[in-house]
Every structure is written in structure tokens, then in C-alpha cells.
PDB file of N, CA and C in Angstrom:
ATOM      1  N   UNK A   1       0.818  -1.200   0.000  1.00  0.00           N
ATOM      2  CA  UNK A   1       0.000   0.000   0.000  1.00  0.00           C
ATOM      3  C   UNK A   1       0.857   1.257   0.000  1.00  0.00           C
ATOM      4  N   UNK A   2       1.951   1.255   0.765  1.00  0.00           N
ATOM      5  CA  UNK A   2       2.824   2.424   0.832  1.00  0.00           C
ATOM      6  C   UNK A   2       3.446   2.702  -0.534  1.00  0.00           C
ATOM      7  N   UNK A   3       3.771   1.636  -1.286  1.00  0.00           N
ATOM      8  CA  UNK A   3       4.355   1.801  -2.613  1.00  0.00           C
ATOM      9  C   UNK A   3       3.373   2.502  -3.548  1.00  0.00           C
ATOM     10  N   UNK A   4       2.112   2.108  -3.496  1.00  0.00           N
ATOM     11  CA  UNK A   4       1.083   2.696  -4.356  1.00  0.00           C
ATOM     12  C   UNK A   4       0.915   4.177  -4.020  1.00  0.00           C
ATOM     13  N   UNK A   5       0.879   4.497  -2.751  1.00  0.00           N
ATOM     14  CA  UNK A   5       0.737   5.892  -2.322  1.00  0.00           C
ATOM     15  C   UNK A   5       1.953   6.720  -2.753  1.00  0.00           C
ATOM     16  N   UNK A   6       3.137   6.167  -2.606  1.00  0.00           N
ATOM     17  CA  UNK A   6       4.352   6.876  -3.009  1.00  0.00           C
ATOM     18  C   UNK A   6       4.364   7.110  -4.517  1.00  0.00           C
ATOM     19  N   UNK A   7       3.926   6.114  -5.262  1.00  0.00           N
ATOM     20  CA  UNK A   7       3.864   6.251  -6.720  1.00  0.00           C
ATOM     21  C   UNK A   7       2.857   7.330  -7.112  1.00  0.00           C
ATOM     22  N   UNK A   8       1.709   7.350  -6.458  1.00  0.00           N
ATOM     23  CA  UNK A   8       0.690   8.361  -6.740  1.00  0.00           C
ATOM     24  C   UNK A   8       1.214   9.764  -6.452  1.00  0.00           C
ATOM     25  N   UNK A   9       1.891   9.930  -5.319  1.00  0.00           N
ATOM     26  CA  UNK A   9       2.457  11.233  -4.971  1.00  0.00           C
ATOM     27  C   UNK A   9       3.508  11.672  -5.998  1.00  0.00           C
ATOM     28  N   UNK A  10       4.317  10.742  -6.456  1.00  0.00           N
ATOM     29  CA  UNK A  10       5.339  11.056  -7.458  1.00  0.00           C
ATOM     30  C   UNK A  10       4.687  11.484  -8.777  1.00  0.00           C
ATOM     31  N   UNK A  11       3.591  10.814  -9.157  1.00  0.00           N
ATOM     32  CA  UNK A  11       2.885  11.179 -10.388  1.00  0.00           C
ATOM     33  C   UNK A  11       2.265  12.566 -10.275  1.00  0.00           C
ATOM     34  N   UNK A  12       1.694  12.894  -9.131  1.00  0.00           N
ATOM     35  CA  UNK A  12       1.117  14.222  -8.908  1.00  0.00           C
ATOM     36  C   UNK A  12       2.204  15.283  -8.991  1.00  0.00           C
ATOM     37  N   UNK A  13       3.329  15.027  -8.357  1.00  0.00           N
ATOM     38  CA  UNK A  13       4.444  15.969  -8.372  1.00  0.00           C
ATOM     39  C   UNK A  13       4.967  16.168  -9.801  1.00  0.00           C
ATOM     40  N   UNK A  14       5.037  15.108 -10.565  1.00  0.00           N
ATOM     41  CA  UNK A  14       5.490  15.192 -11.949  1.00  0.00           C
ATOM     42  C   UNK A  14       4.519  16.023 -12.787  1.00  0.00           C
ATOM     43  N   UNK A  15       3.206  15.814 -12.609  1.00  0.00           N
ATOM     44  CA  UNK A  15       2.203  16.600 -13.332  1.00  0.00           C
ATOM     45  C   UNK A  15       2.314  18.082 -12.977  1.00  0.00           C
ATOM     46  N   UNK A  16       2.524  18.388 -11.709  1.00  0.00           N
ATOM     47  CA  UNK A  16       2.676  19.781 -11.281  1.00  0.00           C
ATOM     48  C   UNK A  16       3.913  20.406 -11.920  1.00  0.00           C
ATOM     49  N   UNK A  17       4.997  19.656 -11.992  1.00  0.00           N
ATOM     50  CA  UNK A  17       6.218  20.165 -12.619  1.00  0.00           C
ATOM     51  C   UNK A  17       5.987  20.420 -14.106  1.00  0.00           C
ATOM     52  N   UNK A  18       5.265  19.528 -14.772  1.00  0.00           N
ATOM     53  CA  UNK A  18       4.951  19.714 -16.185  1.00  0.00           C
ATOM     54  C   UNK A  18       4.073  20.944 -16.389  1.00  0.00           C
ATOM     55  N   UNK A  19       3.084  21.141 -15.511  1.00  0.00           N
ATOM     56  CA  UNK A  19       2.215  22.316 -15.610  1.00  0.00           C
ATOM     57  C   UNK A  19       3.016  23.600 -15.434  1.00  0.00           C
ATOM     58  N   UNK A  20       3.922  23.603 -14.480  1.00  0.00           N
ATOM     59  CA  UNK A  20       4.766  24.775 -14.250  1.00  0.00           C
ATOM     60  C   UNK A  20       5.640  25.042 -15.466  1.00  0.00           C
ATOM     61  N   UNK A  21       6.239  24.001 -16.014  1.00  0.00           N
ATOM     62  CA  UNK A  21       7.084  24.141 -17.196  1.00  0.00           C
ATOM     63  C   UNK A  21       6.282  24.700 -18.368  1.00  0.00           C
ATOM     64  N   UNK A  22       5.083  24.147 -18.610  1.00  0.00           N
ATOM     65  CA  UNK A  22       4.242  24.610 -19.714  1.00  0.00           C
ATOM     66  C   UNK A  22       3.814  26.060 -19.521  1.00  0.00           C
ATOM     67  N   UNK A  23       3.501  26.433 -18.294  1.00  0.00           N
ATOM     68  CA  UNK A  23       3.134  27.819 -18.003  1.00  0.00           C
ATOM     69  C   UNK A  23       4.306  28.739 -18.305  1.00  0.00           C
ATOM     70  N   UNK A  24       5.489  28.344 -17.875  1.00  0.00           N
ATOM     71  CA  UNK A  24       6.675  29.178 -18.128  1.00  0.00           C
ATOM     72  C   UNK A  24       6.955  29.313 -19.614  1.00  0.00           C
ATOM     73  N   UNK A  25       6.815  28.224 -20.366  1.00  0.00           N
ATOM     74  CA  UNK A  25       7.017  28.302 -21.817  1.00  0.00           C
ATOM     75  C   UNK A  25       6.028  29.272 -22.447  1.00  0.00           C
ATOM     76  N   UNK A  26       4.775  29.195 -22.035  1.00  0.00           N
ATOM     77  CA  UNK A  26       3.743  30.078 -22.575  1.00  0.00           C
ATOM     78  C   UNK A  26       4.044  31.527 -22.231  1.00  0.00           C
ATOM     79  N   UNK A  27       4.328  31.796 -20.965  1.00  0.00           N
ATOM     80  CA  UNK A  27       4.601  33.163 -20.527  1.00  0.00           C
ATOM     81  C   UNK A  27       5.848  33.699 -21.213  1.00  0.00           C
ATOM     82  N   UNK A  28       6.867  32.871 -21.363  1.00  0.00           N
ATOM     83  CA  UNK A  28       8.115  33.324 -21.967  1.00  0.00           C
ATOM     84  C   UNK A  28       7.971  33.606 -23.458  1.00  0.00           C
ATOM     85  N   UNK A  29       6.964  33.043 -24.103  1.00  0.00           N
ATOM     86  CA  UNK A  29       6.781  33.254 -25.538  1.00  0.00           C
ATOM     87  C   UNK A  29       6.009  34.538 -25.854  1.00  0.00           C
ATOM     88  N   UNK A  30       5.429  35.182 -24.871  1.00  0.00           N
ATOM     89  CA  UNK A  30       4.659  36.406 -25.076  1.00  0.00           C
ATOM     90  C   UNK A  30       5.631  37.568 -25.290  1.00  0.00           C
ATOM     91  N   UNK A  31       5.443  38.357 -26.350  1.00  0.00           N
ATOM     92  CA  UNK A  31       6.386  39.449 -26.638  1.00  0.00           C
ATOM     93  C   UNK A  31       6.116  40.699 -25.787  1.00  0.00           C
ATOM     94  N   UNK A  32       6.105  40.513 -24.495  1.00  0.00           N
ATOM     95  CA  UNK A  32       5.899  41.611 -23.545  1.00  0.00           C
ATOM     96  C   UNK A  32       6.546  41.218 -22.233  1.00  0.00           C
ATOM     97  N   UNK A  33       6.668  42.167 -21.322  1.00  0.00           N
ATOM     98  CA  UNK A  33       7.221  41.875 -19.997  1.00  0.00           C
ATOM     99  C   UNK A  33       6.101  41.290 -19.148  1.00  0.00           C
ATOM    100  N   UNK A  34       6.243  40.010 -18.790  1.00  0.00           N
ATOM    101  CA  UNK A  34       5.204  39.284 -18.069  1.00  0.00           C
ATOM    102  C   UNK A  34       5.821  38.584 -16.867  1.00  0.00           C
ATOM    103  N   UNK A  35       5.089  38.625 -15.753  1.00  0.00           N
ATOM    104  CA  UNK A  35       5.497  37.831 -14.597  1.00  0.00           C
ATOM    105  C   UNK A  35       4.280  37.145 -14.021  1.00  0.00           C
ATOM    106  N   UNK A  36       4.529  36.095 -13.267  1.00  0.00           N
ATOM    107  CA  UNK A  36       3.444  35.412 -12.570  1.00  0.00           C
ATOM    108  C   UNK A  36       3.719  35.495 -11.073  1.00  0.00           C
ATOM    109  N   UNK A  37       2.632  35.632 -10.321  1.00  0.00           N
ATOM    110  CA  UNK A  37       2.720  35.722  -8.867  1.00  0.00           C
ATOM    111  C   UNK A  37       1.656  34.838  -8.246  1.00  0.00           C
ATOM    112  N   UNK A  38       1.900  34.459  -7.011  1.00  0.00           N
ATOM    113  CA  UNK A  38       0.911  33.666  -6.284  1.00  0.00           C
ATOM    114  C   UNK A  38      -0.217  34.577  -5.828  1.00  0.00           C
ATOM    115  N   UNK A  39      -1.267  33.994  -5.300  1.00  0.00           N
ATOM    116  CA  UNK A  39      -2.394  34.773  -4.786  1.00  0.00           C
ATOM    117  C   UNK A  39      -1.991  35.651  -3.606  1.00  0.00           C
ATOM    118  N   UNK A  40      -0.903  35.280  -2.941  1.00  0.00           N
ATOM    119  CA  UNK A  40      -0.427  36.087  -1.813  1.00  0.00           C
ATOM    120  C   UNK A  40       0.598  37.129  -2.244  1.00  0.00           C
ATOM    121  N   UNK A  41       0.867  37.217  -3.549  1.00  0.00           N
ATOM    122  CA  UNK A  41       1.753  38.246  -4.066  1.00  0.00           C
ATOM    123  C   UNK A  41       3.215  37.864  -4.179  1.00  0.00           C
ATOM    124  N   UNK A  42       3.541  36.620  -3.890  1.00  0.00           N
ATOM    125  CA  UNK A  42       4.929  36.190  -4.033  1.00  0.00           C
ATOM    126  C   UNK A  42       5.240  35.959  -5.508  1.00  0.00           C
ATOM    127  N   UNK A  43       6.412  36.401  -5.932  1.00  0.00           N
ATOM    128  CA  UNK A  43       6.786  36.214  -7.326  1.00  0.00           C
ATOM    129  C   UNK A  43       7.110  34.752  -7.587  1.00  0.00           C
ATOM    130  N   UNK A  44       6.685  34.301  -8.756  1.00  0.00           N
ATOM    131  CA  UNK A  44       6.959  32.926  -9.164  1.00  0.00           C
ATOM    132  C   UNK A  44       7.929  32.896 -10.334  1.00  0.00           C
ATOM    133  N   UNK A  45       7.649  33.706 -11.362  1.00  0.00           N
ATOM    134  CA  UNK A  45       8.401  33.611 -12.599  1.00  0.00           C
ATOM    135  C   UNK A  45       8.348  34.937 -13.344  1.00  0.00           C
ATOM    136  N   UNK A  46       9.479  35.320 -13.901  1.00  0.00           N
ATOM    137  CA  UNK A  46       9.565  36.472 -14.789  1.00  0.00           C
ATOM    138  C   UNK A  46      10.007  35.959 -16.150  1.00  0.00           C
ATOM    139  N   UNK A  47       9.358  36.426 -17.218  1.00  0.00           N
ATOM    140  CA  UNK A  47       9.779  35.941 -18.533  1.00  0.00           C
ATOM    141  C   UNK A  47      11.109  36.574 -18.923  1.00  0.00           C
ATOM    142  N   UNK A  48      11.681  36.086 -20.016  1.00  0.00           N
ATOM    143  CA  UNK A  48      13.021  36.518 -20.414  1.00  0.00           C
ATOM    144  C   UNK A  48      13.075  37.989 -20.781  1.00  0.00           C
ATOM    145  N   UNK A  49      11.973  38.564 -21.217  1.00  0.00           N
ATOM    146  CA  UNK A  49      11.974  40.003 -21.536  1.00  0.00           C
ATOM    147  C   UNK A  49      12.251  40.825 -20.280  1.00  0.00           C
ATOM    148  N   UNK A  50      11.724  40.397 -19.151  1.00  0.00           N
ATOM    149  CA  UNK A  50      11.973  41.111 -17.895  1.00  0.00           C
ATOM    150  C   UNK A  50      13.399  40.869 -17.418  1.00  0.00           C
ATOM    151  N   UNK A  51      13.816  39.625 -17.392  1.00  0.00           N
ATOM    152  CA  UNK A  51      15.165  39.342 -16.893  1.00  0.00           C
ATOM    153  C   UNK A  51      16.229  39.970 -17.795  1.00  0.00           C
ATOM    154  N   UNK A  52      15.977  40.037 -19.107  1.00  0.00           N
ATOM    155  CA  UNK A  52      16.907  40.709 -20.019  1.00  0.00           C
ATOM    156  C   UNK A  52      16.936  42.216 -19.757  1.00  0.00           C
ATOM    157  N   UNK A  53      15.771  42.821 -19.560  1.00  0.00           N
ATOM    158  CA  UNK A  53      15.679  44.259 -19.311  1.00  0.00           C
ATOM    159  C   UNK A  53      16.463  44.652 -18.059  1.00  0.00           C
ATOM    160  N   UNK A  54      16.249  43.919 -16.982  1.00  0.00           N
ATOM    161  CA  UNK A  54      16.884  44.258 -15.715  1.00  0.00           C
ATOM    162  C   UNK A  54      18.282  43.664 -15.562  1.00  0.00           C
ATOM    163  N   UNK A  55      18.607  42.639 -16.365  1.00  0.00           N
ATOM    164  CA  UNK A  55      19.894  41.976 -16.225  1.00  0.00           C
ATOM    165  C   UNK A  55      19.982  41.185 -14.932  1.00  0.00           C
ATOM    166  N   UNK A  56      18.848  40.637 -14.516  1.00  0.00           N
ATOM    167  CA  UNK A  56      18.766  39.884 -13.264  1.00  0.00           C
ATOM    168  C   UNK A  56      18.170  38.502 -13.534  1.00  0.00           C
ATOM    169  N   UNK A  57      18.441  37.569 -12.634  1.00  0.00           N
ATOM    170  CA  UNK A  57      17.831  36.240 -12.711  1.00  0.00           C
ATOM    171  C   UNK A  57      16.450  36.275 -12.068  1.00  0.00           C
ATOM    172  N   UNK A  58      15.690  35.202 -12.266  1.00  0.00           N
ATOM    173  CA  UNK A  58      14.382  35.102 -11.603  1.00  0.00           C
ATOM    174  C   UNK A  58      14.544  35.210 -10.088  1.00  0.00           C
ATOM    175  N   UNK A  59      15.566  34.570  -9.548  1.00  0.00           N
ATOM    176  CA  UNK A  59      15.788  34.606  -8.102  1.00  0.00           C
ATOM    177  C   UNK A  59      16.103  36.029  -7.636  1.00  0.00           C
ATOM    178  N   UNK A  60      16.932  36.737  -8.393  1.00  0.00           N
ATOM    179  CA  UNK A  60      17.283  38.112  -8.036  1.00  0.00           C
ATOM    180  C   UNK A  60      16.090  39.057  -8.145  1.00  0.00           C
ATOM    181  N   UNK A  61      15.115  38.684  -8.957  1.00  0.00           N
ATOM    182  CA  UNK A  61      13.933  39.528  -9.162  1.00  0.00           C
ATOM    183  C   UNK A  61      12.875  39.332  -8.082  1.00  0.00           C
ATOM    184  N   UNK A  62      13.094  38.424  -7.148  1.00  0.00           N
ATOM    185  CA  UNK A  62      12.089  38.166  -6.103  1.00  0.00           C
ATOM    186  C   UNK A  62      11.721  39.448  -5.363  1.00  0.00           C
ATOM    187  N   UNK A  63      12.714  40.306  -5.098  1.00  0.00           N
ATOM    188  CA  UNK A  63      12.438  41.613  -4.495  1.00  0.00           C
ATOM    189  C   UNK A  63      12.649  42.658  -5.573  1.00  0.00           C
ATOM    190  N   UNK A  64      11.583  43.013  -6.274  1.00  0.00           N
ATOM    191  CA  UNK A  64      11.653  43.915  -7.405  1.00  0.00           C
ATOM    192  C   UNK A  64      11.517  45.377  -7.011  1.00  0.00           C
ATOM    193  N   UNK A  65      11.090  45.673  -5.802  1.00  0.00           N
ATOM    194  CA  UNK A  65      10.825  47.067  -5.432  1.00  0.00           C
ATOM    195  C   UNK A  65      12.055  47.974  -5.506  1.00  0.00           C
ATOM    196  N   UNK A  66      13.287  47.513  -5.231  1.00  0.00           N
ATOM    197  CA  UNK A  66      14.435  48.414  -5.374  1.00  0.00           C
ATOM    198  C   UNK A  66      14.683  48.858  -6.823  1.00  0.00           C
ATOM    199  N   UNK A  67      14.069  48.176  -7.784  1.00  0.00           N
ATOM    200  CA  UNK A  67      14.257  48.519  -9.182  1.00  0.00           C
ATOM    201  C   UNK A  67      13.302  49.610  -9.661  1.00  0.00           C
ATOM    202  N   UNK A  68      12.388  50.035  -8.790  1.00  0.00           N
ATOM    203  CA  UNK A  68      11.458  51.105  -9.123  1.00  0.00           C
ATOM    204  C   UNK A  68      12.113  52.458  -8.901  1.00  0.00           C
ATOM    205  N   UNK A  69      11.747  53.418  -9.728  1.00  0.00           N
ATOM    206  CA  UNK A  69      12.243  54.778  -9.543  1.00  0.00           C
ATOM    207  C   UNK A  69      11.777  55.266  -8.173  1.00  0.00           C
ATOM    208  N   UNK A  70      12.652  55.941  -7.433  1.00  0.00           N
ATOM    209  CA  UNK A  70      12.282  56.394  -6.078  1.00  0.00           C
ATOM    210  C   UNK A  70      11.003  57.237  -6.036  1.00  0.00           C
ATOM    211  N   UNK A  71      10.730  58.019  -7.076  1.00  0.00           N
ATOM    212  CA  UNK A  71       9.517  58.845  -7.086  1.00  0.00           C
ATOM    213  C   UNK A  71       8.256  58.042  -7.402  1.00  0.00           C
ATOM    214  N   UNK A  72       8.401  56.831  -7.898  1.00  0.00           N
ATOM    215  CA  UNK A  72       7.259  55.984  -8.259  1.00  0.00           C
ATOM    216  C   UNK A  72       7.027  54.851  -7.268  1.00  0.00           C
ATOM    217  N   UNK A  73       8.042  54.536  -6.491  1.00  0.00           N
ATOM    218  CA  UNK A  73       8.039  53.331  -5.676  1.00  0.00           C
ATOM    219  C   UNK A  73       6.832  53.222  -4.743  1.00  0.00           C
ATOM    220  N   UNK A  74       6.569  54.229  -3.928  1.00  0.00           N
ATOM    221  CA  UNK A  74       5.482  54.137  -2.956  1.00  0.00           C
ATOM    222  C   UNK A  74       4.133  53.919  -3.647  1.00  0.00           C
ATOM    223  N   UNK A  75       3.878  54.657  -4.712  1.00  0.00           N
ATOM    224  CA  UNK A  75       2.606  54.545  -5.441  1.00  0.00           C
ATOM    225  C   UNK A  75       2.443  53.147  -6.039  1.00  0.00           C
ATOM    226  N   UNK A  76       3.497  52.618  -6.635  1.00  0.00           N
ATOM    227  CA  UNK A  76       3.417  51.304  -7.282  1.00  0.00           C
ATOM    228  C   UNK A  76       3.248  50.198  -6.242  1.00  0.00           C
ATOM    229  N   UNK A  77       4.038  50.255  -5.182  1.00  0.00           N
ATOM    230  CA  UNK A  77       3.946  49.221  -4.143  1.00  0.00           C
ATOM    231  C   UNK A  77       2.563  49.250  -3.486  1.00  0.00           C
ATOM    232  N   UNK A  78       2.026  50.441  -3.230  1.00  0.00           N
ATOM    233  CA  UNK A  78       0.689  50.540  -2.635  1.00  0.00           C
ATOM    234  C   UNK A  78      -0.376  49.944  -3.570  1.00  0.00           C
ATOM    235  N   UNK A  79      -0.282  50.252  -4.857  1.00  0.00           N
ATOM    236  CA  UNK A  79      -1.244  49.700  -5.827  1.00  0.00           C
ATOM    237  C   UNK A  79      -1.129  48.188  -5.883  1.00  0.00           C
ATOM    238  N   UNK A  80       0.104  47.689  -5.875  1.00  0.00           N
ATOM    239  CA  UNK A  80       0.325  46.246  -5.919  1.00  0.00           C
ATOM    240  C   UNK A  80      -0.234  45.579  -4.662  1.00  0.00           C
ATOM    241  N   UNK A  81       0.023  46.158  -3.494  1.00  0.00           N
ATOM    242  CA  UNK A  81      -0.489  45.586  -2.243  1.00  0.00           C
ATOM    243  C   UNK A  81      -2.020  45.583  -2.230  1.00  0.00           C
ATOM    244  N   UNK A  82      -2.634  46.635  -2.763  1.00  0.00           N
ATOM    245  CA  UNK A  82      -4.099  46.687  -2.844  1.00  0.00           C
ATOM    246  C   UNK A  82      -4.618  45.585  -3.778  1.00  0.00           C
ATOM    247  N   UNK A  83      -3.916  45.361  -4.870  1.00  0.00           N
ATOM    248  CA  UNK A  83      -4.306  44.313  -5.804  1.00  0.00           C
ATOM    249  C   UNK A  83      -4.230  42.935  -5.156  1.00  0.00           C
ATOM    250  N   UNK A  84      -3.154  42.694  -4.414  1.00  0.00           N
ATOM    251  CA  UNK A  84      -3.005  41.403  -3.727  1.00  0.00           C
ATOM    252  C   UNK A  84      -4.117  41.223  -2.708  1.00  0.00           C
ATOM    253  N   UNK A  85      -4.424  42.283  -1.977  1.00  0.00           N
ATOM    254  CA  UNK A  85      -5.456  42.216  -0.931  1.00  0.00           C
ATOM    255  C   UNK A  85      -6.853  41.994  -1.505  1.00  0.00           C
ATOM    256  N   UNK A  86      -7.175  42.687  -2.609  1.00  0.00           N
ATOM    257  CA  UNK A  86      -8.533  42.641  -3.157  1.00  0.00           C
ATOM    258  C   UNK A  86      -8.707  41.642  -4.294  1.00  0.00           C
ATOM    259  N   UNK A  87      -7.590  41.244  -4.912  1.00  0.00           N
ATOM    260  CA  UNK A  87      -7.678  40.365  -6.068  1.00  0.00           C
ATOM    261  C   UNK A  87      -8.000  41.097  -7.357  1.00  0.00           C
ATOM    262  N   UNK A  88      -8.055  42.427  -7.304  1.00  0.00           N
ATOM    263  CA  UNK A  88      -8.362  43.220  -8.494  1.00  0.00           C
ATOM    264  C   UNK A  88      -7.071  43.532  -9.246  1.00  0.00           C
ATOM    265  N   UNK A  89      -7.140  43.486 -10.582  1.00  0.00           N
ATOM    266  CA  UNK A  89      -5.936  43.784 -11.371  1.00  0.00           C
ATOM    267  C   UNK A  89      -5.563  45.260 -11.285  1.00  0.00           C
ATOM    268  N   UNK A  90      -4.303  45.539 -11.577  1.00  0.00           N
ATOM    269  CA  UNK A  90      -3.842  46.929 -11.614  1.00  0.00           C
ATOM    270  C   UNK A  90      -3.139  47.188 -12.941  1.00  0.00           C
ATOM    271  N   UNK A  91      -3.114  48.445 -13.312  1.00  0.00           N
ATOM    272  CA  UNK A  91      -2.381  48.890 -14.488  1.00  0.00           C
ATOM    273  C   UNK A  91      -1.684  50.173 -14.068  1.00  0.00           C
ATOM    274  N   UNK A  92      -0.393  50.071 -13.775  1.00  0.00           N
ATOM    275  CA  UNK A  92       0.345  51.194 -13.218  1.00  0.00           C
ATOM    276  C   UNK A  92       1.591  51.461 -14.060  1.00  0.00           C
ATOM    277  N   UNK A  93       1.675  52.670 -14.583  1.00  0.00           N
ATOM    278  CA  UNK A  93       2.890  53.058 -15.294  1.00  0.00           C
ATOM    279  C   UNK A  93       3.912  53.538 -14.281  1.00  0.00           C
ATOM    280  N   UNK A  94       5.159  53.159 -14.519  1.00  0.00           N
ATOM    281  CA  UNK A  94       6.230  53.583 -13.621  1.00  0.00           C
ATOM    282  C   UNK A  94       7.566  53.447 -14.324  1.00  0.00           C
ATOM    283  N   UNK A  95       8.550  54.080 -13.765  1.00  0.00           N
ATOM    284  CA  UNK A  95       9.910  53.961 -14.280  1.00  0.00           C
ATOM    285  C   UNK A  95      10.614  52.843 -13.530  1.00  0.00           C
ATOM    286  N   UNK A  96      11.486  52.152 -14.279  1.00  0.00           N
ATOM    287  CA  UNK A  96      12.226  51.037 -13.684  1.00  0.00           C
ATOM    288  C   UNK A  96      13.691  51.130 -14.101  1.00  0.00           C
ATOM    289  N   UNK A  97      14.550  50.615 -13.237  1.00  0.00           N
ATOM    290  CA  UNK A  97      15.996  50.684 -13.444  1.00  0.00           C
ATOM    291  C   UNK A  97      16.461  49.637 -14.448  1.00  0.00           C
ATOM    292  N   UNK A  98      16.848  50.085 -15.627  1.00  0.00           N
ATOM    293  CA  UNK A  98      17.361  49.209 -16.684  1.00  0.00           C
ATOM    294  C   UNK A  98      18.735  48.685 -16.281  1.00  0.00           C
ATOM    295  N   UNK A  99      19.142  47.583 -16.887  1.00  0.00           N
ATOM    296  CA  UNK A  99      20.438  46.985 -16.549  1.00  0.00           C
ATOM    297  C   UNK A  99      21.615  47.922 -16.823  1.00  0.00           C
ATOM    298  N   UNK A 100      21.429  48.945 -17.685  1.00  0.00           N
ATOM    299  CA  UNK A 100      22.514  49.890 -17.969  1.00  0.00           C
ATOM    300  C   UNK A 100      22.596  51.041 -16.962  1.00  0.00           C
ATOM    301  N   UNK A 101      21.683  51.035 -15.961  1.00  0.00           N
ATOM    302  CA  UNK A 101      21.728  52.043 -14.902  1.00  0.00           C
ATOM    303  C   UNK A 101      20.800  53.228 -15.121  1.00  0.00           C
ATOM    304  N   UNK A 102      20.115  53.279 -16.255  1.00  0.00           N
ATOM    305  CA  UNK A 102      19.173  54.378 -16.509  1.00  0.00           C
ATOM    306  C   UNK A 102      17.754  53.928 -16.174  1.00  0.00           C
ATOM    307  N   UNK A 103      16.911  54.901 -15.816  1.00  0.00           N
ATOM    308  CA  UNK A 103      15.503  54.591 -15.580  1.00  0.00           C
ATOM    309  C   UNK A 103      14.740  54.748 -16.877  1.00  0.00           C
ATOM    310  N   UNK A 104      13.881  53.800 -17.140  1.00  0.00           N
ATOM    311  CA  UNK A 104      13.047  53.831 -18.345  1.00  0.00           C
ATOM    312  C   UNK A 104      11.609  53.630 -17.966  1.00  0.00           C
TER     313      UNK A 104
END
């Protein structure tokens, strides 16, 4: 019985890994800066357009707020926190620190 349960858990884990991989492939193929986050607002994945723009890895992008322009940071973070709390989408323009050191 333990073998059957272990096999079932391994199959579920494999399906979840495949779903994550497929999601990343889809998101990475979109010609725009796209990221995915959990319902609690934790970052999961940034597509290559974002990582190329910032010159950072997905892991380095986990804390993205330092990359916001200082004059935009509070407004953007507040809008993002409200979105996480309410589940409502946001559309916020802001400047971000490009990998070359300029804000765009």
C-alpha cells in the first residue's frame, strides 16, 4: 500500500512540474514583460523580456521594489499591495531601473 501511495504522490508531483514548465514556456513566448505571482503576491516567474531588461535572474527579481524609480516606488507598491489584498488587477505606469543604470 505504501508503494502505491508513493507512486501516486510522485505522479502528482510530476504533473505539477509539467504544468509549471508549460506555463513558463507560454509566458516566456509572449512578446511583452510578463510575470506570474501567487495569490499572496509572491513572485513565481519572470519571462526573459523582464530578466533581459533588468539583467537579473528570476531569483534576483524576487524583491523587485528596489528597481522602481524612487519617485514611483510608494505609489506602485501601494497599488500592488491593494491588488493582492482585493484580487483586483492593476495597471500602473512607472519607471524602472534598466540593466545599464538608466531609468526607463
